[in-house]
Amino acid sequence: MFGPLSFVVPLALLLASCATASTFVGQQQVAGPAATADGISVYFNQRRQTRYRSPLTDTLRQGDDLEQVVLDAVVGAQRSISLAVQELTLPRIAQALVERYRAGVQVRVVLENSYSTPWSRQHPSELDDHARHRWQRLHDLADGNQDGTVTQAERQAGDAVALLLEGGVPLLDDTADGSAGSGLMHHKFLVVDGREVVTGSANFTSSGIHGDAGAPHSRGNANHMVRIHSTALARLFEEEFARLWGDGPGGLEDGRFGLGKGGGGSVGLRQGEGQLQVLFAPHPRRDGNNGLAFIEGVLATARKQVDMALFVFSDQGIANRLETLARRGVKVRLMVDPGFATRSYSELLDLAGVVRPDRRCRIEDGNRPWPPGLADVGVPQLARGDKLHHKFAVVDNTTVITGSFNWSPSAAHQNDETLLVIRHPKLAAAFDREFGRLWQNAELGITPRLQRLLERDRLRCPETVNLAPPSALP
């Protein structure tokens, strides 16, 4: 067990770092969002136009401080905080939640079950490779004075989940329905006082926001957040949270996760001069309200251009829809995370006009490479270890698709996810700029790495590759 949380940062100190206009607070530069309109603000952790002081290196770096965005929302709470996020490892956010809970604010937290156990209570020898690597990263981050030794006090202060539990904050995960967990509790949202929502692509982790310990060139996975002041939208997110929460920890196993939530359609709202539309996943495969069908429907409205920056893209239906749009003259541009882009089931390959068989020399059912392949597809150049973690598309420079939802069947039919559409030209322009930043140095088309993989495939699976199906629009 852990001792009293005497090391929790006082709320006044957290509040002192909050600001909305570009300014300096001490030596910490705090800047405004990439764009603000009609109660909606957008932030990107790698944008070039602003800087903040990295908690990892204590130096100024480019980007919006997404952790500060969350802290601003948390410390301003007066009545309630409902947080559903796949992973939370940032101690300052945990400390702020404990402070608000102790001040009488209702605080409730839902995590993915893979990340709901305090890392400081785990032993690395008992973990699989992925969990052991995560444990080591968090252990290294906890070494505050970088002397190579993590003391008990540093372990306590550096374990966000332990801080929450020891502080008494009610917390549960996706086993609260009596199951072994949903596909993934993949949400990334925060609702404050029933009046504002913070959501986007980022988990509340150092690697998701700031970077990796011991890697000074790391800037964190390329991510964004959206902060929206809207009681109507907050109500929808609170309803989703209530489905997950049930009667809370220690009660009946009545939280609902995954397909147990029952699906449901999207809901649209007016927001000033713009519009919002939200959909919560998952849905059964035959349910026409599913997230992939929803995305496809938004893309189908394109008349001029579709730009996509995606961590994962593995849905054939959306790839086929994009081909239809391209044949109509719509400009299509796609970037996918380098770690995913060349996998056999990556739809970037379809758009590039090539096929990669899997390990058994099989080609994905329904695969349809474009003839000819599209030149405007590729991967961004990122610092080693960082990922393109965005899940956004911009349609005709006016409409943005965002949220926690990766463009995959798992997101649509297994995971707890958020899809949010923002129809507002000013806000879409901020996403256009982020896309342009990544596109500027992207490796496009058949890259040397992809060419080498294709040559290996021809040697490894000659018959399969020669029989790869050409695209044929119905």
Protein backbone atom coordinates (compact mmCIF):
# COMPACT_ATOMS: atom_id res chain seq x y z
CA MET A 1 0.00 0.00 0.00
CA PHE A 2 1.00 3.58 -0.51
CA GLY A 3 1.28 6.24 2.16
CA PRO A 4 -0.64 9.53 2.26
CA LEU A 5 -0.39 11.67 -0.84
CA SER A 6 1.62 14.44 0.76
CA PHE A 7 3.36 14.90 -2.58
CA VAL A 8 0.22 15.94 -4.48
CA VAL A 9 0.76 19.30 -6.17
CA PRO A 10 -1.50 21.98 -4.64
CA LEU A 11 -4.32 23.15 -6.88
CA ALA A 12 -3.08 26.72 -6.72
CA LEU A 13 0.17 25.71 -8.41
CA LEU A 14 -1.69 23.93 -11.18
CA LEU A 15 -3.97 26.92 -11.67
CA ALA A 16 -0.96 29.22 -11.88
CA SER A 17 0.16 27.50 -15.07
CA CYS A 18 -3.16 27.91 -16.88
CA ALA A 19 -3.53 30.50 -19.62
CA THR A 20 -5.37 30.96 -22.88
CA ALA A 21 -3.49 33.77 -24.65
CA SER A 22 0.13 33.53 -25.77
CA THR A 23 2.24 34.61 -22.82
CA PHE A 24 5.03 33.55 -20.49
CA VAL A 25 4.24 32.20 -17.04
CA GLY A 26 7.62 32.16 -15.32
CA GLN A 27 9.78 30.35 -17.86
CA GLN A 28 6.86 28.35 -19.23
CA GLN A 29 5.57 29.66 -22.53
CA VAL A 30 1.85 29.07 -22.89
CA ALA A 31 0.13 29.77 -26.19
CA GLY A 32 -3.39 29.86 -27.43
CA PRO A 33 -4.95 27.13 -29.55
CA ALA A 34 -4.34 26.53 -33.23
CA ALA A 35 -7.85 27.82 -33.88
CA THR A 36 -10.88 28.94 -31.87
CA ALA A 37 -14.41 29.51 -33.12
CA ASP A 38 -17.88 29.27 -31.61
CA GLY A 39 -16.71 27.77 -28.33
CA ILE A 40 -14.43 25.18 -29.98
CA SER A 41 -10.64 25.24 -29.63
CA VAL A 42 -8.19 22.96 -31.45
CA TYR A 43 -4.66 22.00 -30.33
CA PHE A 44 -1.79 20.05 -31.93
CA ASN A 45 1.21 18.82 -29.96
CA GLN A 46 3.70 19.26 -32.82
CA ARG A 47 2.59 22.45 -34.55
CA ARG A 48 5.39 24.90 -35.30
CA GLN A 49 3.71 28.18 -34.41
CA THR A 50 3.93 27.80 -30.64
CA ARG A 51 6.21 26.45 -27.94
CA TYR A 52 6.06 25.12 -24.41
CA ARG A 53 8.57 23.87 -21.88
CA SER A 54 8.90 20.10 -22.08
CA PRO A 55 8.60 18.32 -18.72
CA LEU A 56 11.03 15.70 -20.06
CA THR A 57 13.94 17.91 -21.09
CA ASP A 58 13.11 21.23 -19.38
CA THR A 59 13.67 22.97 -22.71
CA LEU A 60 11.32 24.88 -24.98
CA ARG A 61 9.90 22.77 -27.79
CA GLN A 62 7.42 23.29 -30.59
CA GLY A 63 3.78 22.39 -30.12
CA ASP A 64 0.73 22.89 -27.94
CA ASP A 65 0.96 21.40 -24.45
CA LEU A 66 -1.93 18.93 -24.58
CA GLU A 67 -1.40 17.99 -20.95
CA GLN A 68 -2.01 21.63 -20.03
CA VAL A 69 -5.25 21.58 -22.05
CA VAL A 70 -6.48 18.73 -19.86
CA LEU A 71 -5.25 20.40 -16.68
CA ASP A 72 -7.00 23.65 -17.57
CA ALA A 73 -10.28 21.78 -17.90
CA VAL A 74 -9.79 19.70 -14.74
CA VAL A 75 -8.76 22.49 -12.38
CA GLY A 76 -11.69 24.61 -13.54
CA ALA A 77 -14.25 21.97 -12.56
CA GLN A 78 -16.75 23.01 -9.87
CA ARG A 79 -19.27 20.15 -9.89
CA SER A 80 -18.25 17.07 -11.88
CA ILE A 81 -15.53 15.42 -13.96
CA SER A 82 -16.20 12.32 -16.06
CA LEU A 83 -13.06 10.93 -17.67
CA ALA A 84 -12.92 7.95 -20.05
CA VAL A 85 -9.47 7.38 -21.52
CA GLN A 86 -7.65 4.27 -22.67
CA GLU A 87 -4.49 5.09 -20.75
CA LEU A 88 -3.57 7.65 -18.08
CA THR A 89 0.05 7.80 -16.92
CA LEU A 90 0.64 11.54 -16.42
CA PRO A 91 0.96 12.18 -12.66
CA ARG A 92 0.05 15.88 -12.85
CA ILE A 93 -3.35 15.03 -14.32
CA ALA A 94 -3.90 12.41 -11.63
CA GLN A 95 -2.87 14.91 -8.96
CA ALA A 96 -5.30 17.50 -10.31
CA LEU A 97 -8.12 14.94 -10.29
CA VAL A 98 -7.35 14.05 -6.67
CA GLU A 99 -7.33 17.73 -5.70
CA ARG A 100 -10.73 18.29 -7.29
CA TYR A 101 -12.11 15.15 -5.66
CA ARG A 102 -10.91 16.31 -2.26
CA ALA A 103 -12.51 19.70 -2.93
CA GLY A 104 -15.91 18.02 -3.24
CA VAL A 105 -16.12 17.71 -7.02
CA GLN A 106 -17.61 14.45 -8.29
CA VAL A 107 -14.73 12.73 -10.11
CA ARG A 108 -15.16 9.44 -11.99
CA VAL A 109 -12.56 7.68 -14.14
CA VAL A 110 -12.87 4.80 -16.65
CA LEU A 111 -9.74 3.15 -18.10
CA GLU A 112 -8.92 0.26 -20.42
CA ASN A 113 -8.37 -2.84 -18.27
CA SER A 114 -4.88 -3.39 -19.71
CA TYR A 115 -3.81 -0.09 -18.13
CA SER A 116 -5.85 0.09 -14.91
CA THR A 117 -3.29 -1.58 -12.62
CA PRO A 118 -0.66 0.71 -11.06
CA TRP A 119 2.64 0.00 -12.79
CA SER A 120 4.51 0.36 -9.49
CA ARG A 121 2.64 -2.67 -8.17
CA GLN A 122 3.69 -4.84 -11.11
CA HIS A 123 6.83 -6.94 -11.44
CA PRO A 124 8.39 -6.83 -14.92
CA SER A 125 9.29 -10.53 -14.89
CA GLU A 126 5.57 -11.37 -14.76
CA LEU A 127 4.65 -9.23 -17.78
CA ASP A 128 4.55 -9.96 -21.50
CA ASP A 129 6.93 -8.10 -23.81
CA HIS A 130 4.57 -5.19 -24.52
CA ALA A 131 3.65 -4.67 -20.87
CA ARG A 132 7.28 -5.03 -19.78
CA HIS A 133 8.38 -2.39 -22.28
CA ARG A 134 5.64 -0.08 -20.98
CA TRP A 135 6.70 -0.75 -17.38
CA GLN A 136 10.27 0.21 -18.22
CA ARG A 137 9.19 3.46 -19.88
CA LEU A 138 7.11 4.47 -16.87
CA HIS A 139 9.87 3.41 -14.49
CA ASP A 140 12.35 5.61 -16.39
CA LEU A 141 9.94 8.56 -16.38
CA ALA A 142 9.56 8.26 -12.61
CA ASP A 143 13.30 8.80 -12.12
CA GLY A 144 12.84 12.51 -11.52
CA ASN A 145 16.47 13.38 -10.81
CA GLN A 146 17.77 11.02 -13.52
CA ASP A 147 20.25 9.36 -11.17
CA GLY A 148 19.44 5.88 -12.44
CA THR A 149 17.65 4.86 -9.24
CA VAL A 150 13.90 5.10 -8.70
CA THR A 151 13.16 5.57 -5.01
CA GLN A 152 9.93 4.55 -3.32
CA ALA A 153 8.91 8.21 -3.17
CA GLU A 154 9.57 8.59 -6.92
CA ARG A 155 7.57 5.45 -7.66
CA GLN A 156 4.63 6.82 -5.69
CA ALA A 157 4.81 10.26 -7.25
CA GLY A 158 5.25 8.83 -10.76
CA ASP A 159 2.36 6.35 -10.83
CA ALA A 160 -0.79 8.13 -12.00
CA VAL A 161 -3.18 5.23 -11.40
CA ALA A 162 -1.79 4.63 -7.91
CA LEU A 163 -2.29 8.32 -7.15
CA LEU A 164 -5.94 8.08 -8.15
CA LEU A 165 -6.59 4.93 -6.13
CA GLU A 166 -4.77 6.14 -3.04
CA GLY A 167 -6.57 9.47 -3.33
CA GLY A 168 -9.92 7.68 -3.26
CA VAL A 169 -10.99 8.68 -6.77
CA PRO A 170 -13.65 6.22 -8.04
CA LEU A 171 -12.19 4.25 -10.94
CA LEU A 172 -13.24 1.25 -13.00
CA ASP A 173 -12.32 -0.43 -16.27
CA ASP A 174 -14.05 -2.37 -19.02
CA THR A 175 -14.28 -5.52 -16.89
CA ALA A 176 -17.01 -3.76 -14.87
CA ASP A 177 -19.63 -5.54 -16.98
CA GLY A 178 -18.46 -8.90 -15.64
CA SER A 179 -16.49 -9.71 -18.79
CA ALA A 180 -12.78 -9.97 -19.48
CA GLY A 181 -13.03 -6.56 -21.15
CA SER A 182 -14.29 -5.15 -24.45
CA GLY A 183 -12.13 -5.12 -27.57
CA LEU A 184 -10.55 -1.94 -26.20
CA MET A 185 -11.91 0.83 -24.02
CA HIS A 186 -10.39 3.25 -26.51
CA HIS A 187 -12.23 6.48 -25.64
CA LYS A 188 -10.26 9.66 -25.04
CA PHE A 189 -12.70 12.17 -23.56
CA LEU A 190 -13.27 14.34 -20.53
CA VAL A 191 -16.55 16.03 -19.56
CA VAL A 192 -16.48 18.89 -17.05
CA ASP A 193 -19.49 20.30 -15.17
CA GLY A 194 -21.86 19.12 -17.89
CA ARG A 195 -20.79 22.04 -20.05
CA GLU A 196 -17.52 21.24 -21.83
CA VAL A 197 -15.85 18.30 -23.54
CA VAL A 198 -12.18 17.64 -24.23
CA THR A 199 -11.55 14.88 -26.76
CA GLY A 200 -9.28 13.94 -29.65
CA SER A 201 -6.64 11.38 -30.61
CA ALA A 202 -4.29 11.54 -27.61
CA ASN A 203 -4.03 9.21 -24.67
CA PHE A 204 -3.04 10.94 -21.44
CA THR A 205 0.53 9.62 -21.52
CA SER A 206 3.99 11.07 -21.98
CA SER A 207 4.57 9.22 -25.26
CA GLY A 208 1.17 10.40 -26.49
CA ILE A 209 1.81 14.06 -25.67
CA HIS A 210 5.41 15.02 -24.79
CA GLY A 211 7.73 12.21 -25.91
CA ASP A 212 9.67 9.28 -24.52
CA ALA A 213 12.06 9.29 -21.57
CA GLY A 214 15.71 9.22 -22.60
CA ALA A 215 14.87 10.20 -26.19
CA PRO A 216 15.56 13.95 -26.48
CA HIS A 217 14.47 14.10 -30.13
CA SER A 218 11.08 12.52 -29.42
CA ARG A 219 8.13 14.91 -29.62
CA GLY A 220 5.44 12.44 -28.68
CA ASN A 221 3.07 10.79 -31.09
CA ALA A 222 1.53 13.33 -33.48
CA ASN A 223 -1.80 14.04 -31.79
CA HIS A 224 -4.49 16.66 -31.35
CA MET A 225 -7.18 17.67 -28.89
CA VAL A 226 -10.44 19.56 -29.26
CA ARG A 227 -12.01 21.49 -26.37
CA ILE A 228 -15.69 22.25 -26.87
CA HIS A 229 -17.97 24.37 -24.68
CA SER A 230 -21.45 22.95 -25.31
CA THR A 231 -23.97 21.69 -22.78
CA ALA A 232 -25.78 19.76 -25.52
CA LEU A 233 -22.62 17.92 -26.59
CA ALA A 234 -21.55 17.39 -22.98
CA ARG A 235 -24.91 15.75 -22.32
CA LEU A 236 -24.30 13.22 -25.11
CA PHE A 237 -20.85 12.37 -23.76
CA GLU A 238 -22.26 12.09 -20.22
CA GLU A 239 -24.84 9.61 -21.52
CA GLU A 240 -22.06 7.52 -23.06
CA PHE A 241 -20.10 7.72 -19.83
CA ALA A 242 -23.16 6.63 -17.83
CA ARG A 243 -23.42 3.49 -19.98
CA LEU A 244 -19.83 2.62 -19.09
CA TRP A 245 -20.14 3.54 -15.42
CA GLY A 246 -23.31 1.71 -14.41
CA ASP A 247 -23.60 2.09 -10.64
CA GLY A 248 -19.83 2.46 -10.26
CA PRO A 249 -17.07 0.51 -8.49
CA GLY A 250 -18.13 -2.09 -5.95
CA GLY A 251 -21.72 -2.24 -7.16
CA LEU A 252 -23.51 -4.48 -9.60
CA GLU A 253 -21.59 -5.49 -12.71
CA ASP A 254 -23.87 -3.30 -14.77
CA GLY A 255 -21.41 -1.15 -16.70
CA ARG A 256 -21.92 -1.62 -20.43
CA PHE A 257 -18.98 -1.83 -22.78
CA GLY A 258 -18.45 -2.93 -26.36
CA LEU A 259 -21.51 -4.31 -28.12
CA GLY A 260 -23.28 -4.48 -24.76
CA LYS A 261 -24.06 -0.78 -25.09
CA GLY A 262 -26.52 -1.46 -27.89
CA GLY A 263 -25.16 0.79 -30.63
CA GLY A 264 -27.26 3.77 -31.71
CA GLY A 265 -27.07 6.37 -34.44
CA SER A 266 -25.21 9.65 -34.72
CA VAL A 267 -26.59 12.87 -33.25
CA GLY A 268 -26.17 16.29 -34.86
CA LEU A 269 -25.98 19.65 -33.09
CA ARG A 270 -25.69 23.29 -34.08
CA GLN A 271 -22.64 25.07 -32.67
CA GLY A 272 -22.62 28.75 -33.57
CA GLU A 273 -22.00 28.99 -37.29
CA GLY A 274 -20.93 25.36 -37.45
CA GLN A 275 -22.31 21.90 -36.86
CA LEU A 276 -21.23 18.94 -34.74
CA GLN A 277 -22.10 15.29 -35.20
CA VAL A 278 -21.13 12.57 -32.74
CA LEU A 279 -21.29 8.78 -32.89
CA PHE A 280 -20.23 6.30 -30.22
CA ALA A 281 -19.01 2.83 -31.23
CA PRO A 282 -19.16 -0.15 -31.47
CA HIS A 283 -22.01 -1.58 -33.55
CA PRO A 284 -22.82 -5.05 -34.92
CA ARG A 285 -21.44 -5.63 -38.41
CA ARG A 286 -24.87 -5.52 -40.03
CA ASP A 287 -25.86 -2.30 -38.28
CA GLY A 288 -25.92 0.52 -40.83
CA ASN A 289 -25.12 3.03 -38.08
CA ASN A 290 -21.61 1.62 -37.62
CA GLY A 291 -18.63 3.96 -37.57
CA LEU A 292 -17.11 2.88 -40.88
CA ALA A 293 -20.41 3.48 -42.68
CA PHE A 294 -20.63 6.84 -40.92
CA ILE A 295 -17.15 7.85 -42.13
CA GLU A 296 -17.93 6.65 -45.63
CA GLY A 297 -21.08 8.76 -45.66
CA VAL A 298 -19.19 11.91 -44.69
CA LEU A 299 -16.49 11.24 -47.29
CA ALA A 300 -19.17 10.75 -49.93
CA THR A 301 -20.08 14.45 -49.62
CA ALA A 302 -16.65 15.49 -50.96
CA ARG A 303 -16.66 17.54 -54.13
CA LYS A 304 -13.08 18.80 -54.34
CA GLN A 305 -10.63 17.27 -51.86
CA VAL A 306 -10.13 14.73 -49.07
CA ASP A 307 -6.99 14.81 -46.90
CA MET A 308 -6.42 12.04 -44.33
CA ALA A 309 -3.85 11.62 -41.54
CA LEU A 310 -4.43 8.20 -39.97
CA PHE A 311 -2.74 5.91 -37.48
CA VAL A 312 -4.55 2.90 -38.95
CA PHE A 313 -6.48 2.44 -42.20
CA SER A 314 -7.69 -1.10 -42.87
CA ASP A 315 -11.28 -0.80 -44.12
CA GLN A 316 -11.86 -1.91 -47.70
CA GLY A 317 -15.22 -0.17 -48.02
CA ILE A 318 -13.75 3.26 -47.32
CA ALA A 319 -10.88 2.57 -49.73
CA ASN A 320 -13.41 1.71 -52.43
CA ARG A 321 -15.39 4.87 -51.68
CA LEU A 322 -12.23 6.95 -52.04
CA GLU A 323 -11.54 5.37 -55.42
CA THR A 324 -15.02 6.32 -56.57
CA LEU A 325 -14.39 9.90 -55.44
CA ALA A 326 -11.01 10.00 -57.16
CA ARG A 327 -12.57 8.81 -60.43
CA ARG A 328 -14.99 11.74 -60.13
CA GLY A 329 -12.13 14.20 -59.89
CA VAL A 330 -11.88 14.61 -56.12
CA LYS A 331 -8.27 15.10 -55.01
CA VAL A 332 -7.38 12.39 -52.48
CA ARG A 333 -4.30 12.58 -50.25
CA LEU A 334 -3.44 10.06 -47.55
CA MET A 335 -0.80 9.70 -44.86
CA VAL A 336 -0.63 6.62 -42.62
CA ASP A 337 1.66 5.86 -39.69
CA PRO A 338 4.90 4.30 -41.00
CA GLY A 339 4.51 1.33 -38.67
CA PHE A 340 1.18 0.41 -40.25
CA ALA A 341 1.40 1.66 -43.83
CA THR A 342 3.06 -1.40 -45.40
CA ARG A 343 1.14 -4.16 -43.61
CA SER A 344 -0.67 -6.57 -45.92
CA TYR A 345 -4.08 -5.30 -44.78
CA SER A 346 -3.21 -1.59 -45.00
CA GLU A 347 -5.49 0.24 -47.41
CA LEU A 348 -2.66 2.61 -48.25
CA LEU A 349 -1.42 -0.23 -50.45
CA ASP A 350 -4.70 -0.29 -52.36
CA LEU A 351 -4.51 3.44 -53.00
CA ALA A 352 -0.87 3.06 -54.10
CA GLY A 353 -1.94 0.34 -56.54
CA VAL A 354 0.06 -2.51 -55.01
CA VAL A 355 -0.61 -5.76 -53.16
CA ARG A 356 1.23 -7.42 -50.29
CA PRO A 357 0.35 -11.00 -49.33
CA ASP A 358 0.27 -11.98 -45.67
CA ARG A 359 2.71 -14.38 -44.02
CA ARG A 360 0.92 -17.35 -45.57
CA CYS A 361 1.05 -15.80 -49.06
CA ARG A 362 -2.67 -15.04 -48.98
CA ILE A 363 -4.23 -11.86 -50.32
CA GLU A 364 -6.92 -10.15 -48.28
CA ASP A 365 -10.49 -10.97 -49.34
CA GLY A 366 -12.01 -8.19 -51.43
CA ASN A 367 -8.65 -6.52 -51.97
CA ARG A 368 -8.81 -3.94 -54.77
CA PRO A 369 -5.61 -2.05 -55.67
CA TRP A 370 -6.16 1.07 -57.74
CA PRO A 371 -5.04 1.08 -61.38
CA PRO A 372 -3.02 3.21 -61.66
CA GLY A 373 -1.89 3.76 -58.12
CA LEU A 374 -2.25 7.14 -56.47
CA ALA A 375 0.94 9.17 -56.08
CA ASP A 376 -0.43 11.25 -53.20
CA VAL A 377 -0.12 8.56 -50.53
CA GLY A 378 2.70 8.11 -48.08
CA VAL A 379 4.14 8.30 -44.61
CA PRO A 380 5.30 11.31 -42.59
CA GLN A 381 8.83 11.68 -41.31
CA LEU A 382 8.75 11.55 -37.52
CA ALA A 383 11.30 11.38 -34.74
CA ARG A 384 12.39 7.84 -33.93
CA GLY A 385 9.82 6.15 -31.71
CA ASP A 386 7.06 8.67 -32.43
CA LYS A 387 3.92 7.67 -34.31
CA LEU A 388 1.35 9.36 -36.50
CA HIS A 389 -1.49 8.87 -34.02
CA HIS A 390 -4.02 11.24 -35.60
CA LYS A 391 -7.33 9.86 -36.79
CA PHE A 392 -8.56 12.79 -38.85
CA ALA A 393 -9.75 13.64 -42.32
CA VAL A 394 -10.58 17.03 -43.82
CA VAL A 395 -13.26 17.15 -46.52
CA ASP A 396 -13.39 20.13 -48.90
CA ASN A 397 -11.53 22.32 -46.37
CA THR A 398 -14.73 22.66 -44.34
CA THR A 399 -15.49 19.36 -42.57
CA VAL A 400 -13.31 17.43 -40.12
CA ILE A 401 -13.69 13.80 -39.05
CA THR A 402 -11.89 13.19 -35.75
CA GLY A 403 -12.08 11.27 -32.49
CA SER A 404 -10.51 8.16 -30.99
CA PHE A 405 -11.75 5.98 -33.86
CA ASN A 406 -9.11 4.27 -36.01
CA TRP A 407 -10.38 3.42 -39.48
CA SER A 408 -10.63 -0.31 -38.88
CA PRO A 409 -13.26 -3.03 -38.35
CA SER A 410 -12.08 -3.44 -34.74
CA ALA A 411 -12.94 0.18 -33.98
CA ALA A 412 -16.35 -0.16 -35.59
CA HIS A 413 -17.41 -3.52 -34.17
CA GLN A 414 -15.48 -4.17 -30.94
CA ASN A 415 -14.03 -1.10 -29.23
CA ASP A 416 -15.54 1.71 -27.18
CA GLU A 417 -14.85 4.68 -29.44
CA THR A 418 -15.80 8.26 -30.28
CA LEU A 419 -16.34 9.69 -33.76
CA LEU A 420 -16.81 13.44 -34.00
CA VAL A 421 -17.52 15.47 -37.13
CA ILE A 422 -16.93 19.22 -37.02
CA ARG A 423 -18.34 21.28 -39.89
CA HIS A 424 -16.68 24.68 -39.60
CA PRO A 425 -14.26 26.19 -42.16
CA LYS A 426 -12.13 28.06 -39.60
CA LEU A 427 -11.55 24.94 -37.51
CA ALA A 428 -11.03 22.80 -40.60
CA ALA A 429 -8.29 25.23 -41.63
CA ALA A 430 -6.33 24.32 -38.48
CA PHE A 431 -6.46 20.64 -39.45
CA ASP A 432 -5.46 21.62 -43.00
CA ARG A 433 -2.35 23.30 -41.59
CA GLU A 434 -1.47 20.24 -39.52
CA PHE A 435 -1.89 18.03 -42.57
CA GLY A 436 0.30 20.40 -44.57
CA ARG A 437 3.00 20.34 -41.89
CA LEU A 438 3.18 16.55 -42.01
CA TRP A 439 2.84 16.42 -45.80
CA GLN A 440 5.73 18.82 -46.38
CA ASN A 441 8.40 16.18 -45.70
CA ALA A 442 6.36 13.02 -46.22
CA GLU A 443 7.72 10.11 -48.26
CA LEU A 444 5.18 9.61 -51.03
CA GLY A 445 4.29 6.88 -53.50
CA ILE A 446 6.25 3.63 -53.70
CA THR A 447 8.98 4.45 -51.20
CA PRO A 448 12.34 2.60 -51.26
CA ARG A 449 11.29 0.63 -48.19
CA LEU A 450 7.99 -0.41 -49.77
CA GLN A 451 9.79 -1.31 -53.01
CA ARG A 452 12.13 -3.63 -51.09
CA LEU A 453 9.19 -5.29 -49.38
CA LEU A 454 7.39 -5.81 -52.70
CA GLU A 455 10.49 -7.40 -54.21
CA ARG A 456 10.76 -9.77 -51.26
CA ASP A 457 7.07 -10.64 -51.67
CA ARG A 458 7.64 -11.56 -55.33
CA LEU A 459 10.38 -13.97 -54.33
CA ARG A 460 8.46 -15.35 -51.35
CA CYS A 461 5.01 -15.66 -52.95
CA PRO A 462 5.46 -15.49 -56.77
CA GLU A 463 2.18 -17.17 -57.70
CA THR A 464 0.09 -15.14 -55.28
CA VAL A 465 1.56 -11.79 -56.31
CA ASN A 466 1.09 -12.55 -60.02
CA LEU A 467 -2.57 -13.34 -59.39
CA ALA A 468 -3.25 -10.13 -57.43
CA PRO A 469 -6.63 -8.74 -58.58
CA PRO A 470 -6.85 -5.44 -60.45
CA SER A 471 -9.32 -2.83 -59.29
CA ALA A 472 -12.68 -2.82 -61.00
CA LEU A 473 -15.32 -0.35 -59.99
CA PRO A 474 -18.87 -1.69 -60.21
